[in-house]
Amino acid sequence: MLTVGICSGMVVATVTLFYANKLLPMGNTLDQRYDWVFMAYFAVWLVCLIWTFIRRKAKQAAVDLLQLSGVLLLGIPVVNMFTTGNGLLSFDLTIPLSTLFVDALSMLLGFTLLYTIGKINYSKR
């Protein structure tokens, strides 16, 4: 249980860093933003760890957290488009290459995680 919470929760918490970075107000100083992002990471990780103990079955907790990771990864390009106005979903040809790669890879990883979890759930029935 602890291993599932730590490993799968770390994936969810890492994806949450992208959301925290985009959704925190820009008016904060860099130190304040760093503190909020830092707290968001560990708060999400702790919630995921608690979730694994509430769920009681390690396999189902891992599936839940990895599905959440997949959905959050698919949402990164959407949040990027609404917060910055550019990204993979904005169909703008002048977007930075780094933004394009982050959006494309997050969508690829999100689809891959959801597809893999779907295959695991379907094969166990």
Protein backbone atom coordinates (compact mmCIF):
# COMPACT_ATOMS: atom_id res chain seq x y z
CA MET A 1 0.00 0.00 0.00
CA LEU A 2 2.72 2.44 0.93
CA THR A 3 4.64 1.76 -2.28
CA VAL A 4 1.56 2.37 -4.43
CA GLY A 5 0.80 5.61 -2.62
CA ILE A 6 4.35 6.87 -2.91
CA CYS A 7 5.01 5.88 -6.53
CA SER A 8 1.60 6.54 -8.10
CA GLY A 9 1.06 9.58 -5.92
CA MET A 10 4.34 11.04 -7.11
CA VAL A 11 3.11 10.83 -10.70
CA VAL A 12 -0.09 12.70 -9.81
CA ALA A 13 1.86 15.27 -7.78
CA THR A 14 4.34 15.86 -10.60
CA VAL A 15 1.54 16.49 -13.08
CA THR A 16 -0.01 18.85 -10.53
CA LEU A 17 3.14 20.99 -10.75
CA PHE A 18 2.14 22.01 -14.27
CA TYR A 19 -1.31 23.07 -13.05
CA ALA A 20 0.08 24.96 -10.06
CA ASN A 21 2.56 26.78 -12.26
CA LYS A 22 -0.12 27.90 -14.72
CA LEU A 23 -2.95 28.64 -12.29
CA LEU A 24 -1.11 30.55 -9.56
CA PRO A 25 -1.39 34.34 -9.94
CA MET A 26 1.56 36.01 -11.61
CA GLY A 27 1.55 38.90 -9.11
CA ASN A 28 3.31 36.86 -6.45
CA THR A 29 7.04 37.14 -6.02
CA LEU A 30 9.12 34.24 -7.23
CA ASP A 31 9.74 33.04 -3.68
CA GLN A 32 6.02 33.01 -2.90
CA ARG A 33 5.24 31.13 -6.12
CA TYR A 34 7.95 28.60 -5.30
CA ASP A 35 6.48 28.07 -1.84
CA TRP A 36 2.96 27.59 -3.20
CA VAL A 37 4.09 25.17 -5.90
CA PHE A 38 6.15 23.29 -3.32
CA MET A 39 3.18 23.05 -0.93
CA ALA A 40 0.84 21.99 -3.75
CA TYR A 41 3.18 19.17 -4.75
CA PHE A 42 3.44 17.69 -1.28
CA ALA A 43 -0.22 18.28 -0.42
CA VAL A 44 -1.34 16.35 -3.51
CA TRP A 45 1.19 13.63 -2.79
CA LEU A 46 -0.10 13.32 0.77
CA VAL A 47 -3.73 13.16 -0.42
CA CYS A 48 -2.78 10.38 -2.85
CA LEU A 49 -1.00 8.50 -0.08
CA ILE A 50 -4.06 8.79 2.17
CA TRP A 51 -6.26 7.66 -0.74
CA THR A 52 -4.33 4.39 -1.06
CA PHE A 53 -5.04 3.56 2.58
CA ILE A 54 -8.71 4.51 2.24
CA ARG A 55 -9.03 2.38 -0.90
CA ARG A 56 -7.57 -0.69 0.92
CA LYS A 57 -6.72 -2.66 -2.24
CA ALA A 58 -3.34 -1.75 -3.66
CA LYS A 59 -4.21 -2.68 -7.25
CA GLN A 60 -7.38 -0.60 -7.32
CA ALA A 61 -5.64 2.35 -5.66
CA ALA A 62 -2.89 2.19 -8.28
CA VAL A 63 -5.46 2.05 -11.08
CA ASP A 64 -7.34 5.03 -9.60
CA LEU A 65 -4.23 7.16 -9.23
CA LEU A 66 -2.86 6.30 -12.67
CA GLN A 67 -6.23 7.07 -14.26
CA LEU A 68 -6.20 10.41 -12.47
CA SER A 69 -2.68 11.00 -13.80
CA GLY A 70 -3.83 10.24 -17.33
CA VAL A 71 -6.77 12.62 -17.12
CA LEU A 72 -4.61 15.36 -15.60
CA LEU A 73 -2.00 14.89 -18.32
CA LEU A 74 -4.68 15.27 -21.00
CA GLY A 75 -5.80 18.50 -19.35
CA ILE A 76 -2.39 20.21 -19.47
CA PRO A 77 -2.77 21.46 -23.08
CA VAL A 78 -6.28 22.73 -22.30
CA VAL A 79 -5.10 24.69 -19.25
CA ASN A 80 -2.12 25.97 -21.23
CA MET A 81 -4.39 27.20 -24.03
CA PHE A 82 -6.73 29.04 -21.64
CA THR A 83 -4.03 30.58 -19.44
CA THR A 84 -1.43 31.60 -22.04
CA GLY A 85 -3.40 31.66 -25.27
CA ASN A 86 -0.93 29.44 -27.05
CA GLY A 87 -0.27 25.75 -27.17
CA LEU A 88 -0.99 22.65 -29.15
CA LEU A 89 -4.76 23.16 -29.09
CA SER A 90 -4.67 26.80 -30.19
CA PHE A 91 -3.47 25.88 -33.70
CA ASP A 92 -1.13 28.85 -33.71
CA LEU A 93 1.94 28.34 -35.89
CA THR A 94 4.07 30.78 -33.89
CA ILE A 95 4.04 28.89 -30.58
CA PRO A 96 7.38 28.10 -28.96
CA LEU A 97 8.73 24.65 -29.73
CA SER A 98 9.11 23.83 -26.03
CA THR A 99 5.40 24.51 -25.43
CA LEU A 100 4.50 22.35 -28.39
CA PHE A 101 6.61 19.46 -27.07
CA VAL A 102 5.25 19.69 -23.50
CA ASP A 103 1.67 19.73 -24.74
CA ALA A 104 2.21 16.90 -27.24
CA LEU A 105 4.08 14.69 -24.76
CA SER A 106 1.54 15.27 -22.01
CA MET A 107 -1.26 14.23 -24.37
CA LEU A 108 0.72 11.19 -25.53
CA LEU A 109 1.49 10.13 -21.97
CA GLY A 110 -2.11 10.74 -20.88
CA PHE A 111 -3.54 8.61 -23.68
CA THR A 112 -0.92 5.92 -23.05
CA LEU A 113 -1.71 5.76 -19.34
CA LEU A 114 -5.46 5.59 -19.91
CA TYR A 115 -5.09 2.99 -22.67
CA THR A 116 -2.80 0.82 -20.52
CA ILE A 117 -5.08 1.02 -17.48
CA GLY A 118 -8.04 0.15 -19.70
CA LYS A 119 -6.21 -2.90 -21.03
CA ILE A 120 -5.26 -4.01 -17.52
CA ASN A 121 -8.84 -3.66 -16.28
CA TYR A 122 -10.30 -5.39 -19.35
CA SER A 123 -7.87 -8.35 -19.18
CA LYS A 124 -8.66 -9.03 -15.51
CA ARG A 125 -12.42 -9.46 -16.11
